[in-house]
Structure formats: C-alpha cells, structure tokens
Amino acid sequence: MELSIKQSYLAMFYLLDSIYDNTKDECLGSLLGGFNPHLFVESMSADPAAWGDWKNMVIRITNKELLTVDEALEVTQKFIIFHRDEFGFDLDWLIDRLNTMTSNNEDWLSSIKKALSR
C-alpha cells in the first residue's frame, strides 16, 4: 500500500490525535493545534509551516510522491523529532512510543485507513 504526501500527513495527524485522546498531554495538544488539517477550508494544516515542514521531511526521507506505510511512519517519527529539536516541544515520551511502533501497529493502520477515506 502507498500513500500520497497528503494522505501520509493525514495519517500522522490521526495517529497523534488518537494518542492525544488517550494521554491528554498538553504539549502534544498544543502541537496538534497547528497540525490540524480540518480548521481551515483548503488548508493542509492550521499552521501552513507545518505542512511545509512535512513536505520537507518527506523529501529528506524518500523524495517520492508516494510513500510506503513504513516510509510514512518513518517520516512521522522524524517530523516529531524535528519539532522537539527545533521548537523545544517536550515530546521524548512520544518519540519513544513512535520509535517502538511498527508499520503493522493497529493504531497506525487505523490512522491510515481514516486518511485514505478522506
């Protein structure tokens, strides 16, 4: 299965949103506010820079228009590391969780399914 750059972004958002729903972590919630693709019509994120950062991360990892499920998860992991390092978000716990996640993880696959239905 392959995902477009947009679908992979949506899968990342839905995964992080479900993690937030379970943890209510304030730092993750703050980050998700900027990532939200549903706040503005025809926008990929509430913060346009987040969409640009996502596309740049995709280029660093794959430089392809379609990503495998594994590549999309890797981009997600690196994207969160970028936000921790660049903007000081306290996300080590989330990075640890994402780094142990495999591409056949139930939460990841559910997020992909949701992204593909949009």
N, C-alpha and C. Protein backbone atom coordinates (compact mmCIF):
# COMPACT_ATOMS: atom_id res chain seq x y z
N MET A 1 0.84 -1.17 0.00
CA MET A 1 0.00 0.00 0.00
C MET A 1 0.89 1.24 0.00
N GLU A 2 0.48 2.24 -0.76
CA GLU A 2 1.22 3.50 -0.81
C GLU A 2 0.28 4.66 -0.49
N LEU A 3 0.86 5.71 0.07
CA LEU A 3 0.11 6.89 0.47
C LEU A 3 0.69 8.11 -0.24
N SER A 4 -0.18 9.01 -0.63
CA SER A 4 0.30 10.28 -1.15
C SER A 4 0.90 11.07 0.01
N ILE A 5 1.56 12.16 -0.31
CA ILE A 5 2.11 13.00 0.75
C ILE A 5 0.98 13.53 1.64
N LYS A 6 -0.12 13.92 1.03
CA LYS A 6 -1.27 14.41 1.79
C LYS A 6 -1.85 13.30 2.68
N GLN A 7 -2.02 12.11 2.14
CA GLN A 7 -2.56 11.01 2.92
C GLN A 7 -1.64 10.64 4.08
N SER A 8 -0.34 10.70 3.84
CA SER A 8 0.59 10.37 4.92
C SER A 8 0.52 11.42 6.02
N TYR A 9 0.36 12.69 5.65
CA TYR A 9 0.20 13.76 6.64
C TYR A 9 -1.06 13.52 7.46
N LEU A 10 -2.14 13.20 6.79
CA LEU A 10 -3.39 12.93 7.49
C LEU A 10 -3.25 11.74 8.43
N ALA A 11 -2.57 10.68 7.98
CA ALA A 11 -2.36 9.51 8.84
C ALA A 11 -1.56 9.90 10.08
N MET A 12 -0.53 10.73 9.90
CA MET A 12 0.25 11.21 11.04
C MET A 12 -0.65 11.97 12.00
N PHE A 13 -1.45 12.89 11.48
CA PHE A 13 -2.33 13.68 12.33
C PHE A 13 -3.31 12.78 13.10
N TYR A 14 -3.94 11.85 12.41
CA TYR A 14 -4.93 10.98 13.07
C TYR A 14 -4.27 10.10 14.13
N LEU A 15 -3.06 9.63 13.87
CA LEU A 15 -2.35 8.83 14.86
C LEU A 15 -2.07 9.67 16.11
N LEU A 16 -1.49 10.85 15.90
CA LEU A 16 -1.16 11.71 17.04
C LEU A 16 -2.42 12.15 17.78
N ASP A 17 -3.48 12.39 17.05
CA ASP A 17 -4.74 12.79 17.67
C ASP A 17 -5.29 11.67 18.56
N SER A 18 -5.17 10.42 18.11
CA SER A 18 -5.66 9.31 18.93
C SER A 18 -4.77 9.13 20.16
N ILE A 19 -3.47 9.36 20.01
CA ILE A 19 -2.58 9.29 21.17
C ILE A 19 -2.94 10.40 22.15
N TYR A 20 -3.21 11.59 21.61
CA TYR A 20 -3.62 12.69 22.49
C TYR A 20 -4.91 12.36 23.23
N ASP A 21 -5.87 11.77 22.53
CA ASP A 21 -7.14 11.41 23.17
C ASP A 21 -6.93 10.50 24.37
N ASN A 22 -5.90 9.65 24.29
CA ASN A 22 -5.61 8.72 25.39
C ASN A 22 -4.75 9.31 26.48
N THR A 23 -3.93 10.32 26.16
CA THR A 23 -2.99 10.85 27.14
C THR A 23 -3.35 12.23 27.66
N LYS A 24 -4.03 13.01 26.84
CA LYS A 24 -4.34 14.41 27.15
C LYS A 24 -3.07 15.22 27.45
N ASP A 25 -1.96 14.84 26.84
CA ASP A 25 -0.70 15.54 27.04
C ASP A 25 -0.80 16.95 26.46
N GLU A 26 -0.56 17.96 27.30
CA GLU A 26 -0.73 19.36 26.89
C GLU A 26 0.22 19.75 25.77
N CYS A 27 1.44 19.27 25.82
CA CYS A 27 2.43 19.61 24.80
C CYS A 27 2.00 19.05 23.44
N LEU A 28 1.56 17.79 23.44
CA LEU A 28 1.07 17.20 22.19
C LEU A 28 -0.17 17.92 21.71
N GLY A 29 -1.06 18.28 22.62
CA GLY A 29 -2.27 19.01 22.24
C GLY A 29 -1.94 20.34 21.59
N SER A 30 -0.96 21.02 22.13
CA SER A 30 -0.54 22.30 21.56
C SER A 30 0.01 22.11 20.14
N LEU A 31 0.81 21.09 19.98
CA LEU A 31 1.38 20.79 18.66
C LEU A 31 0.28 20.44 17.66
N LEU A 32 -0.65 19.63 18.09
CA LEU A 32 -1.74 19.21 17.20
C LEU A 32 -2.60 20.37 16.74
N GLY A 33 -2.72 21.40 17.56
CA GLY A 33 -3.48 22.57 17.15
C GLY A 33 -2.94 23.17 15.86
N GLY A 34 -1.64 23.17 15.71
CA GLY A 34 -1.02 23.69 14.50
C GLY A 34 -1.06 22.71 13.34
N PHE A 35 -1.12 21.42 13.64
CA PHE A 35 -1.13 20.39 12.60
C PHE A 35 -2.51 20.16 12.01
N ASN A 36 -3.55 20.58 12.71
CA ASN A 36 -4.92 20.22 12.35
C ASN A 36 -5.27 20.59 10.91
N PRO A 37 -5.59 19.58 10.09
CA PRO A 37 -5.93 19.85 8.69
C PRO A 37 -7.39 20.23 8.47
N HIS A 38 -8.17 20.28 9.54
CA HIS A 38 -9.60 20.49 9.39
C HIS A 38 -10.08 21.85 9.89
N LEU A 39 -9.18 22.72 10.29
CA LEU A 39 -9.59 24.01 10.82
C LEU A 39 -9.93 25.03 9.75
N PHE A 40 -9.23 24.97 8.64
CA PHE A 40 -9.43 25.95 7.58
C PHE A 40 -9.73 25.25 6.26
N VAL A 41 -10.65 25.78 5.51
CA VAL A 41 -11.00 25.21 4.21
C VAL A 41 -9.80 25.26 3.29
N GLU A 42 -9.55 24.15 2.62
CA GLU A 42 -8.47 24.03 1.63
C GLU A 42 -7.08 24.30 2.21
N SER A 43 -6.91 23.96 3.45
CA SER A 43 -5.59 24.08 4.08
C SER A 43 -5.18 22.70 4.58
N MET A 44 -3.90 22.41 4.48
CA MET A 44 -3.42 21.13 4.99
C MET A 44 -3.10 21.19 6.47
N SER A 45 -2.96 22.36 7.02
CA SER A 45 -2.75 22.48 8.47
C SER A 45 -3.13 23.88 8.92
N ALA A 46 -3.46 23.97 10.20
CA ALA A 46 -3.79 25.29 10.75
C ALA A 46 -2.57 26.21 10.64
N ASP A 47 -1.39 25.64 10.80
CA ASP A 47 -0.14 26.37 10.64
C ASP A 47 0.48 25.94 9.31
N PRO A 48 0.43 26.78 8.29
CA PRO A 48 0.96 26.39 6.97
C PRO A 48 2.41 25.94 7.01
N ALA A 49 3.18 26.41 7.97
CA ALA A 49 4.57 25.99 8.08
C ALA A 49 4.67 24.50 8.40
N ALA A 50 3.70 23.96 9.14
CA ALA A 50 3.72 22.53 9.48
C ALA A 50 3.61 21.69 8.21
N TRP A 51 2.76 22.09 7.29
CA TRP A 51 2.61 21.37 6.02
C TRP A 51 3.92 21.45 5.23
N GLY A 52 4.54 22.62 5.20
CA GLY A 52 5.82 22.77 4.52
C GLY A 52 6.91 21.92 5.17
N ASP A 53 6.91 21.89 6.50
CA ASP A 53 7.89 21.06 7.22
C ASP A 53 7.67 19.58 6.90
N TRP A 54 6.40 19.17 6.80
CA TRP A 54 6.08 17.78 6.47
C TRP A 54 6.63 17.44 5.08
N LYS A 55 6.36 18.28 4.11
CA LYS A 55 6.84 18.00 2.74
C LYS A 55 8.36 17.96 2.70
N ASN A 56 9.02 18.84 3.45
CA ASN A 56 10.49 18.83 3.50
C ASN A 56 11.01 17.54 4.14
N MET A 57 10.32 17.05 5.14
CA MET A 57 10.73 15.80 5.79
C MET A 57 10.55 14.63 4.84
N VAL A 58 9.47 14.64 4.06
CA VAL A 58 9.26 13.58 3.08
C VAL A 58 10.42 13.58 2.08
N ILE A 59 10.81 14.75 1.62
CA ILE A 59 11.92 14.85 0.66
C ILE A 59 13.20 14.30 1.27
N ARG A 60 13.46 14.59 2.53
CA ARG A 60 14.66 14.07 3.20
C ARG A 60 14.67 12.55 3.29
N ILE A 61 13.50 11.96 3.49
CA ILE A 61 13.42 10.52 3.73
C ILE A 61 13.27 9.74 2.43
N THR A 62 12.39 10.20 1.52
CA THR A 62 12.10 9.38 0.35
C THR A 62 12.26 10.09 -0.99
N ASN A 63 11.95 11.39 -0.99
CA ASN A 63 11.94 12.16 -2.23
C ASN A 63 11.06 11.53 -3.30
N LYS A 64 9.93 10.95 -2.85
CA LYS A 64 8.97 10.34 -3.77
C LYS A 64 7.59 10.94 -3.53
N GLU A 65 6.73 10.82 -4.50
CA GLU A 65 5.36 11.32 -4.37
C GLU A 65 4.46 10.35 -3.60
N LEU A 66 4.80 9.06 -3.65
CA LEU A 66 4.03 8.05 -2.94
C LEU A 66 4.94 7.39 -1.91
N LEU A 67 4.43 7.23 -0.70
CA LEU A 67 5.20 6.65 0.40
C LEU A 67 4.62 5.31 0.78
N THR A 68 5.50 4.38 1.11
CA THR A 68 5.02 3.13 1.68
C THR A 68 4.54 3.41 3.11
N VAL A 69 3.85 2.47 3.68
CA VAL A 69 3.39 2.60 5.06
C VAL A 69 4.59 2.77 5.99
N ASP A 70 5.66 2.02 5.74
CA ASP A 70 6.88 2.13 6.54
C ASP A 70 7.50 3.52 6.42
N GLU A 71 7.57 4.04 5.20
CA GLU A 71 8.15 5.36 4.99
C GLU A 71 7.31 6.45 5.66
N ALA A 72 6.00 6.33 5.58
CA ALA A 72 5.12 7.32 6.22
C ALA A 72 5.31 7.32 7.73
N LEU A 73 5.50 6.14 8.32
CA LEU A 73 5.74 6.07 9.76
C LEU A 73 7.11 6.67 10.10
N GLU A 74 8.11 6.40 9.26
CA GLU A 74 9.43 6.99 9.49
C GLU A 74 9.39 8.51 9.40
N VAL A 75 8.65 9.04 8.43
CA VAL A 75 8.52 10.49 8.31
C VAL A 75 7.83 11.04 9.56
N THR A 76 6.81 10.35 10.05
CA THR A 76 6.12 10.76 11.26
C THR A 76 7.10 10.85 12.44
N GLN A 77 7.91 9.82 12.59
CA GLN A 77 8.89 9.79 13.68
C GLN A 77 9.86 10.97 13.56
N LYS A 78 10.39 11.18 12.39
CA LYS A 78 11.38 12.26 12.18
C LYS A 78 10.72 13.64 12.31
N PHE A 79 9.49 13.75 11.91
CA PHE A 79 8.75 15.01 12.00
C PHE A 79 8.59 15.44 13.46
N ILE A 80 8.29 14.49 14.32
CA ILE A 80 8.15 14.79 15.74
C ILE A 80 9.51 15.12 16.35
N ILE A 81 10.54 14.40 15.96
CA ILE A 81 11.90 14.72 16.44
C ILE A 81 12.28 16.14 16.02
N PHE A 82 11.95 16.50 14.78
CA PHE A 82 12.22 17.85 14.28
C PHE A 82 11.54 18.90 15.17
N HIS A 83 10.29 18.68 15.51
CA HIS A 83 9.56 19.65 16.33
C HIS A 83 10.09 19.71 17.75
N ARG A 84 10.56 18.60 18.25
CA ARG A 84 11.20 18.64 19.57
C ARG A 84 12.49 19.46 19.51
N ASP A 85 13.33 19.14 18.54
CA ASP A 85 14.64 19.77 18.45
C ASP A 85 14.56 21.23 18.02
N GLU A 86 13.70 21.53 17.07
CA GLU A 86 13.63 22.88 16.50
C GLU A 86 12.85 23.86 17.39
N PHE A 87 11.80 23.36 18.02
CA PHE A 87 10.90 24.26 18.74
C PHE A 87 10.80 23.98 20.24
N GLY A 88 11.53 22.98 20.71
CA GLY A 88 11.60 22.71 22.14
C GLY A 88 10.39 22.02 22.74
N PHE A 89 9.57 21.37 21.93
CA PHE A 89 8.43 20.64 22.47
C PHE A 89 8.94 19.46 23.30
N ASP A 90 8.34 19.23 24.45
CA ASP A 90 8.71 18.14 25.34
C ASP A 90 8.01 16.86 24.88
N LEU A 91 8.64 16.18 23.93
CA LEU A 91 7.98 15.04 23.28
C LEU A 91 8.81 13.75 23.33
N ASP A 92 9.77 13.66 24.25
CA ASP A 92 10.60 12.45 24.31
C ASP A 92 9.75 11.20 24.50
N TRP A 93 8.72 11.28 25.34
CA TRP A 93 7.85 10.14 25.58
C TRP A 93 7.16 9.70 24.29
N LEU A 94 6.75 10.68 23.47
CA LEU A 94 6.07 10.37 22.21
C LEU A 94 7.06 9.79 21.20
N ILE A 95 8.26 10.34 21.15
CA ILE A 95 9.29 9.82 20.26
C ILE A 95 9.61 8.38 20.61
N ASP A 96 9.73 8.08 21.90
CA ASP A 96 9.97 6.69 22.32
C ASP A 96 8.84 5.79 21.86
N ARG A 97 7.63 6.26 22.01
CA ARG A 97 6.46 5.46 21.60
C ARG A 97 6.45 5.23 20.09
N LEU A 98 6.72 6.28 19.33
CA LEU A 98 6.73 6.15 17.87
C LEU A 98 7.88 5.28 17.40
N ASN A 99 9.02 5.37 18.05
CA ASN A 99 10.19 4.58 17.64
C ASN A 99 10.02 3.09 17.88
N THR A 100 9.11 2.72 18.77
CA THR A 100 8.86 1.30 19.01
C THR A 100 7.67 0.80 18.19
N MET A 101 7.00 1.71 17.51
CA MET A 101 5.83 1.35 16.70
C MET A 101 6.28 0.77 15.37
N THR A 102 5.60 -0.27 14.95
CA THR A 102 5.88 -0.87 13.64
C THR A 102 4.76 -0.49 12.68
N SER A 103 5.02 -0.71 11.42
CA SER A 103 4.04 -0.31 10.40
C SER A 103 2.77 -1.17 10.43
N ASN A 104 2.79 -2.27 11.17
CA ASN A 104 1.56 -3.06 11.29
C ASN A 104 0.86 -2.85 12.62
N ASN A 105 1.26 -1.79 13.35
CA ASN A 105 0.62 -1.42 14.60
C ASN A 105 -0.85 -1.07 14.33
N GLU A 106 -1.72 -1.55 15.19
CA GLU A 106 -3.16 -1.35 15.00
C GLU A 106 -3.55 0.13 14.94
N ASP A 107 -2.96 0.95 15.81
CA ASP A 107 -3.28 2.39 15.82
C ASP A 107 -2.82 3.06 14.53
N TRP A 108 -1.64 2.69 14.05
CA TRP A 108 -1.11 3.26 12.81
C TRP A 108 -1.99 2.85 11.63
N LEU A 109 -2.34 1.58 11.57
CA LEU A 109 -3.18 1.10 10.46
C LEU A 109 -4.57 1.75 10.49
N SER A 110 -5.10 1.96 11.67
CA SER A 110 -6.39 2.64 11.79
C SER A 110 -6.29 4.08 11.29
N SER A 111 -5.18 4.74 11.60
CA SER A 111 -4.97 6.12 11.16
C SER A 111 -4.83 6.18 9.63
N ILE A 112 -4.16 5.21 9.07
CA ILE A 112 -4.02 5.14 7.61
C ILE A 112 -5.38 4.94 6.95
N LYS A 113 -6.16 4.04 7.51
CA LYS A 113 -7.49 3.78 6.96
C LYS A 113 -8.34 5.05 6.98
N LYS A 114 -8.26 5.78 8.06
CA LYS A 114 -9.02 7.05 8.18
C LYS A 114 -8.52 8.07 7.14
N ALA A 115 -7.20 8.13 6.97
CA ALA A 115 -6.62 9.08 6.00
C ALA A 115 -7.04 8.72 4.57
N LEU A 116 -7.09 7.46 4.26
CA LEU A 116 -7.45 7.02 2.91
C LEU A 116 -8.93 7.27 2.61
N SER A 117 -9.73 7.38 3.65
CA SER A 117 -11.17 7.59 3.43
C SER A 117 -11.51 9.07 3.24
N ARG A 118 -10.55 9.96 3.41
CA ARG A 118 -10.79 11.41 3.27
C ARG A 118 -10.63 11.85 1.86
